[in-house]
C-alpha cells in the first residue's frame, strides 16, 4: 500500500496515542508482531495451539491414566465422574488417551515440519543462488517428487518399515520439503540481485556464507509462514495413516488411530469415542492455518491492513 515502508525498515511511525506522542516501531519484526496480534483470529489460533500443547503434555500429570495395559472389564463405559469421556473397547480412559494421542500428533507435526523446512530452505537457497542449468535440474527433480502423492509414498514406506514416532516423522519430513524449497528459491531469486548480496560477493563471500548469512535470514518470513502449514499438513497426514490402519504400533496412540478404531462407534451409540478426538484434530489444524494466514499477512506489507 502507498506509504507503507518495506519489511525491516527502522523507525516506522504508527498510531498516535493520547498525549500527542507518536509510537515508533523500531524494526520490521516488531511491526509484523504488532500486525499479527492485532488479528483476533490469529490470537485465537495461537491460543488454541498453546492450550493443546499444555493439555497434551501437562494434562497427563494432572489426570494420570493407564494407557498401556488393556482392562476388558472397563471397556465401552459411558462418560462418568471416574472417566470424564468414558472408555474405549480396550478399557482405556478416552480423556487420557486424547492427551497421549495429541502428544504423538504434535511431536510428529513439529518434528516433520522442522525437518522439511530445514531441507527445503537449504535446497531452495542453493538452487536460487546458483541459477542456470543447476537451478533447472534441481527444480525439475522437485517437480518429479511433487507429481507423486505424498500419502502414497508414506503408505508404501509405512508398510515396509516398522511404524514408530521417529520413523513416521522422518518419512513425512523427508518427503515434505519440496514446497518450502520452491518458496525459498523464489525469494532468493529476488534477493540475489540486491546490493547487499552483490557487495558480499565482491568482498569474497563464499556461497555458503551468502546462503547462511545473507539469503536465508532475509527469507525467514517465507520460512516462518510456511512452517505453520507444514505442521498442519503433517498432523493431518499422520491422522490419515492411523485412520487407514497404517498408524503407529501399539501401545503408542494417535488421534488417527483412535478414529480408525472407532469407525463403528457412532452407529453403536458410543459418541464419546469419535466426536471429542475429531474436534481436537479439527481445532489444531484450523489453528495452525489461522496462524499461518495471519503470519503471511503480517510479513507481507502488501497485505497489511491500514
C-alpha atoms as a PDB file:
ATOM      1  CA  UNK A   1       0.000   0.000   0.000  1.00  0.00           C
ATOM      2  CA  UNK A   2       1.080   3.568  -0.590  1.00  0.00           C
ATOM      3  CA  UNK A   3       3.103   5.000   2.226  1.00  0.00           C
ATOM      4  CA  UNK A   4       3.916   1.626   3.800  1.00  0.00           C
ATOM      5  CA  UNK A   5       7.678   1.056   4.024  1.00  0.00           C
ATOM      6  CA  UNK A   6       9.195  -2.339   3.253  1.00  0.00           C
ATOM      7  CA  UNK A   7       9.681  -5.066   5.825  1.00  0.00           C
ATOM      8  CA  UNK A   8      12.634  -4.375   8.076  1.00  0.00           C
ATOM      9  CA  UNK A   9      12.600  -0.570   7.773  1.00  0.00           C
ATOM     10  CA  UNK A  10      13.517   1.165  11.081  1.00  0.00           C
ATOM     11  CA  UNK A  11      11.574   3.809  12.976  1.00  0.00           C
ATOM     12  CA  UNK A  12       8.202   3.330  11.329  1.00  0.00           C
ATOM     13  CA  UNK A  13       5.538   5.655  12.775  1.00  0.00           C
ATOM     14  CA  UNK A  14       2.249   4.029  13.673  1.00  0.00           C
ATOM     15  CA  UNK A  15      -0.716   5.349  15.631  1.00  0.00           C
ATOM     16  CA  UNK A  16      -0.530   8.397  17.855  1.00  0.00           C
ATOM     17  CA  UNK A  17      -1.714   7.655  21.408  1.00  0.00           C
ATOM     18  CA  UNK A  18      -3.242  10.189  23.769  1.00  0.00           C
ATOM     19  CA  UNK A  19      -0.790  12.928  24.630  1.00  0.00           C
ATOM     20  CA  UNK A  20       0.274  13.503  21.054  1.00  0.00           C
ATOM     21  CA  UNK A  21       3.301  11.238  21.174  1.00  0.00           C
ATOM     22  CA  UNK A  22       3.859   9.093  18.108  1.00  0.00           C
ATOM     23  CA  UNK A  23       4.724   5.460  18.831  1.00  0.00           C
ATOM     24  CA  UNK A  24       7.590   4.192  16.705  1.00  0.00           C
ATOM     25  CA  UNK A  25       8.058   0.594  15.610  1.00  0.00           C
ATOM     26  CA  UNK A  26      11.828   0.199  15.545  1.00  0.00           C
ATOM     27  CA  UNK A  27      12.011  -2.891  13.375  1.00  0.00           C
ATOM     28  CA  UNK A  28      10.123  -4.845  10.771  1.00  0.00           C
ATOM     29  CA  UNK A  29       9.866  -7.767  13.179  1.00  0.00           C
ATOM     30  CA  UNK A  30       8.092  -5.624  15.780  1.00  0.00           C
ATOM     31  CA  UNK A  31       5.788  -4.253  13.103  1.00  0.00           C
ATOM     32  CA  UNK A  32       4.978  -7.810  11.970  1.00  0.00           C
ATOM     33  CA  UNK A  33       4.316  -8.846  15.586  1.00  0.00           C
ATOM     34  CA  UNK A  34       2.045  -5.829  16.062  1.00  0.00           C
ATOM     35  CA  UNK A  35       0.153  -6.731  12.909  1.00  0.00           C
ATOM     36  CA  UNK A  36      -0.116 -10.374  13.939  1.00  0.00           C
ATOM     37  CA  UNK A  37      -1.521  -9.702  17.413  1.00  0.00           C
ATOM     38  CA  UNK A  38      -3.983  -7.175  16.012  1.00  0.00           C
ATOM     39  CA  UNK A  39      -5.583 -10.086  14.135  1.00  0.00           C
ATOM     40  CA  UNK A  40      -8.141 -11.606  16.508  1.00  0.00           C
ATOM     41  CA  UNK A  41      -8.377 -14.900  14.639  1.00  0.00           C
ATOM     42  CA  UNK A  42      -4.594 -15.244  14.803  1.00  0.00           C
ATOM     43  CA  UNK A  43      -4.623 -14.719  18.562  1.00  0.00           C
ATOM     44  CA  UNK A  44      -7.400 -17.291  18.908  1.00  0.00           C
ATOM     45  CA  UNK A  45      -5.440 -19.752  16.770  1.00  0.00           C
ATOM     46  CA  UNK A  46      -2.262 -19.211  18.770  1.00  0.00           C
ATOM     47  CA  UNK A  47      -4.229 -19.651  21.988  1.00  0.00           C
ATOM     48  CA  UNK A  48      -5.651 -22.956  20.730  1.00  0.00           C
ATOM     49  CA  UNK A  49      -2.189 -24.260  19.881  1.00  0.00           C
ATOM     50  CA  UNK A  50      -0.786 -23.244  23.270  1.00  0.00           C
ATOM     51  CA  UNK A  51      -3.804 -24.797  25.005  1.00  0.00           C
ATOM     52  CA  UNK A  52      -3.324 -28.147  23.277  1.00  0.00           C
ATOM     53  CA  UNK A  53       0.406 -28.164  23.994  1.00  0.00           C
ATOM     54  CA  UNK A  54      -0.307 -27.631  27.686  1.00  0.00           C
ATOM     55  CA  UNK A  55      -3.285 -30.019  27.630  1.00  0.00           C
ATOM     56  CA  UNK A  56      -1.418 -32.876  25.940  1.00  0.00           C
ATOM     57  CA  UNK A  57       1.940 -32.622  27.695  1.00  0.00           C
ATOM     58  CA  UNK A  58       0.979 -31.399  31.167  1.00  0.00           C
ATOM     59  CA  UNK A  59      -2.526 -32.882  31.279  1.00  0.00           C
ATOM     60  CA  UNK A  60      -1.375 -36.470  31.986  1.00  0.00           C
ATOM     61  CA  UNK A  61       0.399 -35.194  35.104  1.00  0.00           C
ATOM     62  CA  UNK A  62      -2.821 -33.743  36.472  1.00  0.00           C
ATOM     63  CA  UNK A  63      -5.062 -36.514  35.109  1.00  0.00           C
ATOM     64  CA  UNK A  64      -2.962 -39.715  35.132  1.00  0.00           C
ATOM     65  CA  UNK A  65      -4.455 -42.762  33.401  1.00  0.00           C
ATOM     66  CA  UNK A  66      -3.383 -46.231  32.324  1.00  0.00           C
ATOM     67  CA  UNK A  67      -2.680 -46.231  28.580  1.00  0.00           C
ATOM     68  CA  UNK A  68      -0.587 -49.388  28.245  1.00  0.00           C
ATOM     69  CA  UNK A  69      -2.440 -52.334  29.835  1.00  0.00           C
ATOM     70  CA  UNK A  70      -5.870 -53.276  28.488  1.00  0.00           C
ATOM     71  CA  UNK A  71      -8.721 -53.533  31.004  1.00  0.00           C
ATOM     72  CA  UNK A  72     -11.598 -55.523  29.436  1.00  0.00           C
ATOM     73  CA  UNK A  73     -13.806 -55.052  32.497  1.00  0.00           C
ATOM     74  CA  UNK A  74     -13.810 -51.290  31.898  1.00  0.00           C
ATOM     75  CA  UNK A  75     -14.489 -51.420  28.149  1.00  0.00           C
ATOM     76  CA  UNK A  76     -17.067 -49.175  26.473  1.00  0.00           C
ATOM     77  CA  UNK A  77     -18.064 -47.293  29.616  1.00  0.00           C
ATOM     78  CA  UNK A  78     -20.088 -44.102  29.156  1.00  0.00           C
ATOM     79  CA  UNK A  79     -18.715 -40.763  30.410  1.00  0.00           C
ATOM     80  CA  UNK A  80     -18.859 -40.509  34.204  1.00  0.00           C
ATOM     81  CA  UNK A  81     -17.007 -38.942  37.089  1.00  0.00           C
ATOM     82  CA  UNK A  82     -14.395 -41.711  37.091  1.00  0.00           C
ATOM     83  CA  UNK A  83     -13.861 -41.446  33.326  1.00  0.00           C
ATOM     84  CA  UNK A  84     -14.717 -37.989  32.003  1.00  0.00           C
ATOM     85  CA  UNK A  85     -15.080 -39.128  28.384  1.00  0.00           C
ATOM     86  CA  UNK A  86     -15.761 -42.800  29.033  1.00  0.00           C
ATOM     87  CA  UNK A  87     -13.551 -45.685  27.897  1.00  0.00           C
ATOM     88  CA  UNK A  88     -12.896 -47.468  24.606  1.00  0.00           C
ATOM     89  CA  UNK A  89     -13.211 -51.167  23.781  1.00  0.00           C
ATOM     90  CA  UNK A  90      -9.845 -51.896  25.425  1.00  0.00           C
ATOM     91  CA  UNK A  91     -10.778 -50.175  28.664  1.00  0.00           C
ATOM     92  CA  UNK A  92      -8.517 -47.160  28.085  1.00  0.00           C
ATOM     93  CA  UNK A  93      -9.707 -43.858  29.519  1.00  0.00           C
ATOM     94  CA  UNK A  94     -10.685 -41.802  26.463  1.00  0.00           C
ATOM     95  CA  UNK A  95      -9.873 -38.431  28.009  1.00  0.00           C
ATOM     96  CA  UNK A  96      -6.361 -39.563  28.899  1.00  0.00           C
ATOM     97  CA  UNK A  97      -5.926 -41.228  25.521  1.00  0.00           C
ATOM     98  CA  UNK A  98      -6.757 -37.981  23.752  1.00  0.00           C
ATOM     99  CA  UNK A  99      -3.879 -36.376  25.661  1.00  0.00           C
ATOM    100  CA  UNK A 100      -1.469 -39.163  24.709  1.00  0.00           C
ATOM    101  CA  UNK A 101      -2.650 -39.153  21.093  1.00  0.00           C
ATOM    102  CA  UNK A 102      -2.226 -35.396  20.989  1.00  0.00           C
ATOM    103  CA  UNK A 103       1.362 -35.710  22.148  1.00  0.00           C
ATOM    104  CA  UNK A 104       2.088 -38.018  19.218  1.00  0.00           C
ATOM    105  CA  UNK A 105       0.330 -35.772  16.688  1.00  0.00           C
ATOM    106  CA  UNK A 106       2.087 -32.609  17.879  1.00  0.00           C
ATOM    107  CA  UNK A 107       5.521 -34.232  18.151  1.00  0.00           C
ATOM    108  CA  UNK A 108       5.318 -35.670  14.641  1.00  0.00           C
ATOM    109  CA  UNK A 109       3.831 -32.450  13.275  1.00  0.00           C
ATOM    110  CA  UNK A 110       6.520 -30.168  14.702  1.00  0.00           C
ATOM    111  CA  UNK A 111       9.454 -32.520  14.069  1.00  0.00           C
ATOM    112  CA  UNK A 112       8.461 -33.353  10.483  1.00  0.00           C
ATOM    113  CA  UNK A 113       7.744 -29.698   9.694  1.00  0.00           C
ATOM    114  CA  UNK A 114      11.093 -28.626  11.138  1.00  0.00           C
ATOM    115  CA  UNK A 115      12.970 -31.259   9.118  1.00  0.00           C
ATOM    116  CA  UNK A 116      11.134 -30.425   5.893  1.00  0.00           C
ATOM    117  CA  UNK A 117      11.756 -26.713   6.440  1.00  0.00           C
ATOM    118  CA  UNK A 118      15.493 -27.129   7.019  1.00  0.00           C
ATOM    119  CA  UNK A 119      15.964 -29.348   3.948  1.00  0.00           C
ATOM    120  CA  UNK A 120      13.706 -27.255   1.729  1.00  0.00           C
ATOM    121  CA  UNK A 121      15.279 -23.965   2.817  1.00  0.00           C
ATOM    122  CA  UNK A 122      18.845 -25.083   2.118  1.00  0.00           C
ATOM    123  CA  UNK A 123      17.875 -26.762  -1.151  1.00  0.00           C
ATOM    124  CA  UNK A 124      15.869 -23.795  -2.424  1.00  0.00           C
ATOM    125  CA  UNK A 125      18.501 -21.272  -1.368  1.00  0.00           C
ATOM    126  CA  UNK A 126      21.230 -23.195  -3.192  1.00  0.00           C
ATOM    127  CA  UNK A 127      19.149 -23.542  -6.355  1.00  0.00           C
ATOM    128  CA  UNK A 128      18.182 -19.880  -6.375  1.00  0.00           C
ATOM    129  CA  UNK A 129      21.715 -18.623  -5.742  1.00  0.00           C
ATOM    130  CA  UNK A 130      23.483 -20.821  -8.306  1.00  0.00           C
ATOM    131  CA  UNK A 131      20.843 -20.448 -11.019  1.00  0.00           C
ATOM    132  CA  UNK A 132      21.320 -21.563 -14.593  1.00  0.00           C
ATOM    133  CA  UNK A 133      21.394 -25.239 -15.510  1.00  0.00           C
ATOM    134  CA  UNK A 134      21.935 -26.335 -11.894  1.00  0.00           C
ATOM    135  CA  UNK A 135      18.792 -24.494 -10.824  1.00  0.00           C
ATOM    136  CA  UNK A 136      16.799 -26.029 -13.684  1.00  0.00           C
ATOM    137  CA  UNK A 137      17.944 -29.566 -12.843  1.00  0.00           C
ATOM    138  CA  UNK A 138      17.273 -29.145  -9.121  1.00  0.00           C
ATOM    139  CA  UNK A 139      13.799 -27.755  -9.738  1.00  0.00           C
ATOM    140  CA  UNK A 140      12.891 -30.497 -12.211  1.00  0.00           C
ATOM    141  CA  UNK A 141      13.776 -33.016  -9.504  1.00  0.00           C
ATOM    142  CA  UNK A 142      11.389 -31.160  -7.180  1.00  0.00           C
ATOM    143  CA  UNK A 143       8.669 -31.259  -9.851  1.00  0.00           C
ATOM    144  CA  UNK A 144       9.084 -35.030 -10.158  1.00  0.00           C
ATOM    145  CA  UNK A 145       8.678 -35.510  -6.406  1.00  0.00           C
ATOM    146  CA  UNK A 146       5.673 -33.180  -6.326  1.00  0.00           C
ATOM    147  CA  UNK A 147       3.965 -35.272  -9.003  1.00  0.00           C
ATOM    148  CA  UNK A 148       3.929 -38.294  -6.666  1.00  0.00           C
ATOM    149  CA  UNK A 149       1.200 -38.139  -3.989  1.00  0.00           C
ATOM    150  CA  UNK A 150       2.809 -37.863  -0.571  1.00  0.00           C
ATOM    151  CA  UNK A 151       0.211 -40.122   1.048  1.00  0.00           C
ATOM    152  CA  UNK A 152       1.046 -42.841  -1.492  1.00  0.00           C
ATOM    153  CA  UNK A 153       4.764 -42.670  -0.636  1.00  0.00           C
ATOM    154  CA  UNK A 154       4.155 -42.670   3.111  1.00  0.00           C
ATOM    155  CA  UNK A 155       1.760 -45.627   2.870  1.00  0.00           C
ATOM    156  CA  UNK A 156       4.345 -47.701   0.988  1.00  0.00           C
ATOM    157  CA  UNK A 157       7.114 -46.877   3.460  1.00  0.00           C
ATOM    158  CA  UNK A 158       4.809 -47.402   6.447  1.00  0.00           C
ATOM    159  CA  UNK A 159       4.056 -50.950   5.305  1.00  0.00           C
ATOM    160  CA  UNK A 160       7.748 -51.631   4.631  1.00  0.00           C
ATOM    161  CA  UNK A 161       9.217 -50.316   7.876  1.00  0.00           C
ATOM    162  CA  UNK A 162       8.107 -50.553  11.497  1.00  0.00           C
ATOM    163  CA  UNK A 163       5.885 -47.565  12.258  1.00  0.00           C
ATOM    164  CA  UNK A 164       7.289 -45.590  15.181  1.00  0.00           C
ATOM    165  CA  UNK A 165       7.122 -41.947  16.115  1.00  0.00           C
ATOM    166  CA  UNK A 166      10.656 -41.313  14.856  1.00  0.00           C
ATOM    167  CA  UNK A 167      10.269 -43.293  11.632  1.00  0.00           C
ATOM    168  CA  UNK A 168       6.973 -41.618  10.729  1.00  0.00           C
ATOM    169  CA  UNK A 169       8.417 -38.186  11.479  1.00  0.00           C
ATOM    170  CA  UNK A 170      11.450 -38.904   9.301  1.00  0.00           C
ATOM    171  CA  UNK A 171       9.366 -40.234   6.438  1.00  0.00           C
ATOM    172  CA  UNK A 172       6.977 -37.277   6.442  1.00  0.00           C
ATOM    173  CA  UNK A 173       9.789 -34.749   6.865  1.00  0.00           C
ATOM    174  CA  UNK A 174      11.974 -36.250   4.134  1.00  0.00           C
ATOM    175  CA  UNK A 175       9.144 -36.139   1.591  1.00  0.00           C
ATOM    176  CA  UNK A 176       7.557 -32.778   2.515  1.00  0.00           C
ATOM    177  CA  UNK A 177      10.381 -30.349   1.734  1.00  0.00           C
ATOM    178  CA  UNK A 178       9.510 -29.640  -1.901  1.00  0.00           C
ATOM    179  CA  UNK A 179       7.001 -26.837  -1.255  1.00  0.00           C
ATOM    180  CA  UNK A 180       9.277 -24.822   1.071  1.00  0.00           C
ATOM    181  CA  UNK A 181      12.170 -25.287  -1.360  1.00  0.00           C
ATOM    182  CA  UNK A 182      10.178 -23.673  -4.173  1.00  0.00           C
ATOM    183  CA  UNK A 183       9.099 -20.800  -1.936  1.00  0.00           C
ATOM    184  CA  UNK A 184      12.628 -20.120  -0.697  1.00  0.00           C
ATOM    185  CA  UNK A 185      14.043 -20.390  -4.227  1.00  0.00           C
ATOM    186  CA  UNK A 186      11.614 -17.764  -5.457  1.00  0.00           C
ATOM    187  CA  UNK A 187      12.576 -15.458  -2.600  1.00  0.00           C
ATOM    188  CA  UNK A 188      16.300 -15.996  -3.195  1.00  0.00           C
ATOM    189  CA  UNK A 189      15.939 -15.198  -6.915  1.00  0.00           C
ATOM    190  CA  UNK A 190      14.779 -11.719  -5.922  1.00  0.00           C
ATOM    191  CA  UNK A 191      17.354 -11.311  -3.147  1.00  0.00           C
ATOM    192  CA  UNK A 192      20.459 -12.377  -5.066  1.00  0.00           C
ATOM    193  CA  UNK A 193      20.385  -9.249  -7.257  1.00  0.00           C
ATOM    194  CA  UNK A 194      20.174  -6.897  -4.268  1.00  0.00           C
ATOM    195  CA  UNK A 195      23.076  -4.607  -3.487  1.00  0.00           C
ATOM    196  CA  UNK A 196      23.993  -6.257  -0.183  1.00  0.00           C
ATOM    197  CA  UNK A 197      24.419  -9.656  -1.903  1.00  0.00           C
ATOM    198  CA  UNK A 198      26.488  -8.105  -4.686  1.00  0.00           C
ATOM    199  CA  UNK A 199      28.657  -6.361  -2.117  1.00  0.00           C
ATOM    200  CA  UNK A 200      29.169  -9.617  -0.211  1.00  0.00           C
ATOM    201  CA  UNK A 201      30.251 -11.330  -3.414  1.00  0.00           C
ATOM    202  CA  UNK A 202      32.716  -8.570  -4.272  1.00  0.00           C
ATOM    203  CA  UNK A 203      34.210  -8.869  -0.782  1.00  0.00           C
ATOM    204  CA  UNK A 204      34.891 -12.560  -1.432  1.00  0.00           C
ATOM    205  CA  UNK A 205      31.952 -14.144   0.303  1.00  0.00           C
ATOM    206  CA  UNK A 206      31.566 -17.850  -0.440  1.00  0.00           C
ATOM    207  CA  UNK A 207      28.294 -19.428  -1.484  1.00  0.00           C
ATOM    208  CA  UNK A 208      27.974 -20.981   1.940  1.00  0.00           C
ATOM    209  CA  UNK A 209      28.338 -17.599   3.614  1.00  0.00           C
ATOM    210  CA  UNK A 210      25.946 -15.948   1.177  1.00  0.00           C
ATOM    211  CA  UNK A 211      23.311 -18.597   1.848  1.00  0.00           C
ATOM    212  CA  UNK A 212      23.678 -18.830   5.627  1.00  0.00           C
ATOM    213  CA  UNK A 213      24.422 -15.184   6.480  1.00  0.00           C
ATOM    214  CA  UNK A 214      22.576 -13.165   3.850  1.00  0.00           C
ATOM    215  CA  UNK A 215      19.942 -15.046   1.838  1.00  0.00           C
ATOM    216  CA  UNK A 216      18.277 -17.368   4.370  1.00  0.00           C
ATOM    217  CA  UNK A 217      17.999 -14.706   7.137  1.00  0.00           C
ATOM    218  CA  UNK A 218      16.295 -12.372   4.667  1.00  0.00           C
ATOM    219  CA  UNK A 219      13.936 -15.154   3.532  1.00  0.00           C
ATOM    220  CA  UNK A 220      12.907 -16.122   7.070  1.00  0.00           C
ATOM    221  CA  UNK A 221       9.483 -14.534   6.708  1.00  0.00           C
ATOM    222  CA  UNK A 222       8.580 -17.032   3.976  1.00  0.00           C
ATOM    223  CA  UNK A 223      10.021 -19.908   6.019  1.00  0.00           C
ATOM    224  CA  UNK A 224       8.138 -18.974   9.191  1.00  0.00           C
ATOM    225  CA  UNK A 225       4.834 -18.672   7.369  1.00  0.00           C
ATOM    226  CA  UNK A 226       5.242 -21.992   5.578  1.00  0.00           C
ATOM    227  CA  UNK A 227       6.221 -23.986   8.673  1.00  0.00           C
ATOM    228  CA  UNK A 228       2.786 -23.468  10.237  1.00  0.00           C
ATOM    229  CA  UNK A 229       1.098 -25.001   7.194  1.00  0.00           C
ATOM    230  CA  UNK A 230       3.605 -27.874   7.225  1.00  0.00           C
ATOM    231  CA  UNK A 231       2.699 -28.621  10.846  1.00  0.00           C
ATOM    232  CA  UNK A 232      -0.986 -28.804   9.946  1.00  0.00           C
ATOM    233  CA  UNK A 233      -0.300 -30.988   6.906  1.00  0.00           C
ATOM    234  CA  UNK A 234       1.891 -33.364   8.926  1.00  0.00           C
ATOM    235  CA  UNK A 235      -0.738 -33.732  11.652  1.00  0.00           C
ATOM    236  CA  UNK A 236      -3.390 -34.477   9.034  1.00  0.00           C
ATOM    237  CA  UNK A 237      -1.137 -36.943   7.245  1.00  0.00           C
ATOM    238  CA  UNK A 238      -0.402 -38.964  10.379  1.00  0.00           C
ATOM    239  CA  UNK A 239      -4.140 -38.925  11.106  1.00  0.00           C
ATOM    240  CA  UNK A 240      -4.862 -40.309   7.625  1.00  0.00           C
ATOM    241  CA  UNK A 241      -2.366 -43.117   8.185  1.00  0.00           C
ATOM    242  CA  UNK A 242      -3.853 -44.004  11.537  1.00  0.00           C
ATOM    243  CA  UNK A 243      -7.399 -43.967  10.211  1.00  0.00           C
ATOM    244  CA  UNK A 244      -6.424 -46.257   7.321  1.00  0.00           C
ATOM    245  CA  UNK A 245      -4.790 -48.705   9.721  1.00  0.00           C
ATOM    246  CA  UNK A 246      -1.144 -47.874   8.939  1.00  0.00           C
ATOM    247  CA  UNK A 247      -0.503 -45.786  12.021  1.00  0.00           C
ATOM    248  CA  UNK A 248       1.805 -46.232  14.958  1.00  0.00           C
ATOM    249  CA  UNK A 249       2.339 -49.570  16.643  1.00  0.00           C
ATOM    250  CA  UNK A 250       0.641 -50.348  19.964  1.00  0.00           C
ATOM    251  CA  UNK A 251       0.855 -49.035  22.675  1.00  0.00           C
ATOM    252  CA  UNK A 252       1.607 -45.675  21.010  1.00  0.00           C
ATOM    253  CA  UNK A 253      -1.622 -43.857  20.231  1.00  0.00           C
ATOM    254  CA  UNK A 254      -2.505 -41.071  17.818  1.00  0.00           C
ATOM    255  CA  UNK A 255      -5.722 -39.272  17.015  1.00  0.00           C
ATOM    256  CA  UNK A 256      -5.936 -41.018  13.649  1.00  0.00           C
ATOM    257  CA  UNK A 257      -5.580 -44.436  15.267  1.00  0.00           C
ATOM    258  CA  UNK A 258      -8.333 -43.569  17.726  1.00  0.00           C
ATOM    259  CA  UNK A 259     -10.682 -42.511  14.936  1.00  0.00           C
ATOM    260  CA  UNK A 260      -9.840 -45.602  12.904  1.00  0.00           C
ATOM    261  CA  UNK A 261     -10.564 -47.907  15.837  1.00  0.00           C
ATOM    262  CA  UNK A 262     -13.874 -46.144  16.498  1.00  0.00           C
ATOM    263  CA  UNK A 263     -15.362 -46.278  12.983  1.00  0.00           C
ATOM    264  CA  UNK A 264     -18.404 -48.220  14.178  1.00  0.00           C
ATOM    265  CA  UNK A 265     -18.727 -46.294  17.426  1.00  0.00           C
ATOM    266  CA  UNK A 266     -21.228 -43.704  16.209  1.00  0.00           C
ATOM    267  CA  UNK A 267     -23.696 -46.285  14.890  1.00  0.00           C
ATOM    268  CA  UNK A 268     -23.345 -48.126  18.194  1.00  0.00           C
ATOM    269  CA  UNK A 269     -24.084 -45.001  20.212  1.00  0.00           C
ATOM    270  CA  UNK A 270     -20.544 -44.537  21.573  1.00  0.00           C
ATOM    271  CA  UNK A 271     -20.293 -40.898  20.544  1.00  0.00           C
ATOM    272  CA  UNK A 272     -17.529 -40.136  23.056  1.00  0.00           C
ATOM    273  CA  UNK A 273     -15.084 -42.233  21.034  1.00  0.00           C
ATOM    274  CA  UNK A 274     -15.447 -40.104  17.891  1.00  0.00           C
ATOM    275  CA  UNK A 275     -16.573 -36.524  18.419  1.00  0.00           C
ATOM    276  CA  UNK A 276     -14.078 -35.320  21.090  1.00  0.00           C
ATOM    277  CA  UNK A 277     -10.973 -36.618  19.323  1.00  0.00           C
ATOM    278  CA  UNK A 278     -12.319 -35.439  15.959  1.00  0.00           C
ATOM    279  CA  UNK A 279     -12.928 -31.966  17.398  1.00  0.00           C
ATOM    280  CA  UNK A 280      -9.365 -31.858  18.769  1.00  0.00           C
ATOM    281  CA  UNK A 281      -7.933 -32.743  15.370  1.00  0.00           C
ATOM    282  CA  UNK A 282     -10.027 -30.131  13.570  1.00  0.00           C
ATOM    283  CA  UNK A 283      -9.216 -27.415  16.111  1.00  0.00           C
ATOM    284  CA  UNK A 284      -5.452 -27.941  15.979  1.00  0.00           C
ATOM    285  CA  UNK A 285      -5.316 -27.980  12.171  1.00  0.00           C
ATOM    286  CA  UNK A 286      -7.611 -24.960  11.944  1.00  0.00           C
ATOM    287  CA  UNK A 287      -5.492 -23.080  14.497  1.00  0.00           C
ATOM    288  CA  UNK A 288      -2.298 -23.751  12.528  1.00  0.00           C
ATOM    289  CA  UNK A 289      -3.935 -22.455   9.361  1.00  0.00           C
ATOM    290  CA  UNK A 290      -5.218 -19.336  11.137  1.00  0.00           C
ATOM    291  CA  UNK A 291      -1.753 -18.589  12.488  1.00  0.00           C
ATOM    292  CA  UNK A 292      -0.211 -19.216   9.069  1.00  0.00           C
ATOM    293  CA  UNK A 293      -2.640 -16.864   7.326  1.00  0.00           C
ATOM    294  CA  UNK A 294      -2.006 -14.159   9.911  1.00  0.00           C
ATOM    295  CA  UNK A 295       1.775 -14.530   9.634  1.00  0.00           C
ATOM    296  CA  UNK A 296       1.539 -14.218   5.862  1.00  0.00           C
ATOM    297  CA  UNK A 297      -0.475 -11.007   6.234  1.00  0.00           C
ATOM    298  CA  UNK A 298       1.917  -9.670   8.877  1.00  0.00           C
ATOM    299  CA  UNK A 299       5.131 -10.262   6.908  1.00  0.00           C
ATOM    300  CA  UNK A 300       3.793  -9.158   3.511  1.00  0.00           C
ATOM    301  CA  UNK A 301       3.499  -5.367   3.535  1.00  0.00           C
ATOM    302  CA  UNK A 302       1.058  -5.519   0.623  1.00  0.00           C
ATOM    303  CA  UNK A 303      -1.428  -7.439   2.763  1.00  0.00           C
ATOM    304  CA  UNK A 304      -1.184  -5.326   5.909  1.00  0.00           C
ATOM    305  CA  UNK A 305      -4.401  -3.571   6.821  1.00  0.00           C
ATOM    306  CA  UNK A 306      -4.170   0.119   7.398  1.00  0.00           C
END
